Amino acid sequence: QAHVVESGGGWVQPGGSLRLSCATSGTDFSVNVMGWYRQAPGKQREWVADITSGHRTRYADSAKGRFTISFDNAKNTLWLQMSTLEPEDTAVYYCVVRWPITGVENWGQGTQVTVTS
């Protein structure tokens, strides 16, 4: 069972950048899939990006070219660097650690990102 806590959200103007972090414990990067999701008001939660062992990454089309997911093994921290932010990126961002063999998912409480002028 992993424990995850997101931070780094806030308010930013369109075109700006933010870096989200997810402090993890109880994870095993050699087996876990770690990712970011987001949920905008009135919308379903959507996948943003994920990373697996070997630092292989995948991105939703909306994130490609603007967001970068990474994992710092030494700090057990998952990052999401977001740039060129748009109002449509406004959402609560969640970190998730997935255990593929059991299907267990450990979610954080979320961090709010607001993009507005």
Protein backbone atom coordinates (compact mmCIF):
# COMPACT_ATOMS: atom_id res chain seq x y z
CA GLN A 1 0.00 0.00 0.00
CA ALA A 2 1.49 3.29 -1.10
CA HIS A 3 0.88 6.69 0.38
CA VAL A 4 0.87 9.72 -1.89
CA VAL A 5 0.55 13.44 -1.19
CA GLU A 6 0.35 16.05 -3.93
CA SER A 7 1.46 19.65 -3.69
CA GLY A 8 2.45 22.53 -5.91
CA GLY A 9 -0.90 23.62 -7.25
CA GLY A 10 -2.01 27.21 -7.35
CA TRP A 11 -3.04 30.06 -9.56
CA VAL A 12 -1.20 30.93 -12.75
CA GLN A 13 -1.86 33.14 -15.72
CA PRO A 14 -2.36 31.63 -19.18
CA GLY A 15 0.99 30.81 -20.71
CA GLY A 16 2.56 30.28 -17.31
CA SER A 17 4.12 27.23 -15.71
CA LEU A 18 3.66 25.16 -12.59
CA ARG A 19 5.38 22.11 -11.21
CA LEU A 20 3.35 19.62 -9.25
CA SER A 21 4.94 17.17 -6.91
CA CYS A 22 3.71 13.96 -5.39
CA ALA A 23 5.57 12.67 -2.37
CA THR A 24 5.29 8.91 -2.20
CA SER A 25 6.07 6.22 0.30
CA GLY A 26 5.64 2.49 0.16
CA THR A 27 6.14 2.49 -3.59
CA ASP A 28 8.24 0.24 -5.77
CA PHE A 29 9.19 1.99 -8.98
CA SER A 30 10.31 -1.29 -10.50
CA VAL A 31 6.70 -2.50 -10.59
CA ASN A 32 4.48 0.52 -10.09
CA VAL A 33 2.85 2.62 -12.75
CA MET A 34 2.70 6.19 -11.49
CA GLY A 35 0.58 8.82 -13.05
CA TRP A 36 -1.32 12.05 -12.98
CA TYR A 37 -5.01 12.56 -13.58
CA ARG A 38 -7.12 15.68 -13.42
CA GLN A 39 -10.74 16.58 -12.92
CA ALA A 40 -12.20 19.86 -14.06
CA PRO A 41 -15.46 21.19 -12.60
CA GLY A 42 -18.42 19.33 -14.01
CA LYS A 43 -16.24 16.88 -15.93
CA GLN A 44 -15.04 13.36 -15.45
CA ARG A 45 -11.58 12.64 -14.17
CA GLU A 46 -9.17 12.25 -17.08
CA TRP A 47 -5.75 10.74 -17.45
CA VAL A 48 -2.89 13.17 -18.05
CA ALA A 49 0.35 11.18 -18.05
CA ASP A 50 2.09 8.20 -16.54
CA ILE A 51 5.54 6.76 -16.06
CA THR A 52 6.80 3.24 -15.55
CA SER A 53 10.05 1.57 -14.62
CA GLY A 54 12.79 2.59 -16.97
CA HIS A 55 11.23 6.05 -16.94
CA ARG A 56 9.02 5.25 -19.90
CA THR A 57 6.41 7.96 -20.22
CA ARG A 58 3.05 8.40 -21.90
CA TYR A 59 0.95 11.53 -22.30
CA ALA A 60 -2.59 12.43 -23.16
CA ASP A 61 -2.85 14.45 -26.35
CA SER A 62 -3.75 17.51 -24.29
CA ALA A 63 -0.47 17.22 -22.38
CA LYS A 64 1.95 16.33 -25.15
CA GLY A 65 4.59 18.95 -25.73
CA ARG A 66 3.54 20.98 -22.69
CA PHE A 67 3.77 18.64 -19.68
CA THR A 68 6.63 16.48 -18.50
CA ILE A 69 6.25 13.66 -16.00
CA SER A 70 9.23 12.37 -14.10
CA PHE A 71 10.12 10.36 -11.03
CA ASP A 72 12.99 11.03 -8.70
CA ASN A 73 14.01 7.67 -7.27
CA ALA A 74 16.20 9.19 -4.58
CA LYS A 75 13.39 11.36 -3.27
CA ASN A 76 10.52 9.00 -4.08
CA THR A 77 8.79 11.94 -5.66
CA LEU A 78 6.69 12.09 -8.78
CA TRP A 79 6.71 15.37 -10.69
CA LEU A 80 4.56 16.99 -13.31
CA GLN A 81 6.13 20.00 -14.96
CA MET A 82 3.45 21.97 -16.76
CA SER A 83 4.15 24.80 -19.14
CA THR A 84 2.20 26.94 -21.58
CA LEU A 85 -0.83 26.48 -19.34
CA GLU A 86 -4.27 27.26 -20.65
CA PRO A 87 -7.55 27.98 -18.88
CA GLU A 88 -8.67 24.51 -20.01
CA ASP A 89 -5.98 23.05 -17.75
CA THR A 90 -7.84 24.30 -14.70
CA ALA A 91 -8.63 21.25 -12.60
CA VAL A 92 -7.80 19.31 -9.49
CA TYR A 93 -4.75 17.23 -10.26
CA TYR A 94 -4.36 13.82 -8.68
CA CYS A 95 -1.38 11.57 -8.31
CA VAL A 96 -1.92 7.82 -8.48
CA VAL A 97 0.27 4.81 -7.87
CA ARG A 98 -0.94 1.66 -9.53
CA TRP A 99 0.10 -1.89 -8.73
CA PRO A 100 -0.41 -3.76 -12.01
CA ILE A 101 -0.44 -7.27 -10.59
CA THR A 102 -3.13 -6.67 -7.97
CA GLY A 103 -4.90 -3.75 -9.63
CA VAL A 104 -4.67 -1.72 -6.45
CA GLU A 105 -4.53 2.03 -6.90
CA ASN A 106 -3.42 4.54 -4.31
CA TRP A 107 -4.68 8.07 -4.90
CA GLY A 108 -3.71 11.35 -3.36
CA GLN A 109 -6.11 14.02 -2.18
CA GLY A 110 -5.48 16.26 -5.18
CA THR A 111 -4.08 19.72 -5.70
CA GLN A 112 -5.96 22.57 -7.36
CA VAL A 113 -4.55 24.24 -10.46
CA THR A 114 -6.29 27.39 -11.67
CA VAL A 115 -5.29 29.05 -14.92
CA THR A 116 -6.88 32.44 -15.41
CA SER A 117 -6.00 36.01 -16.10
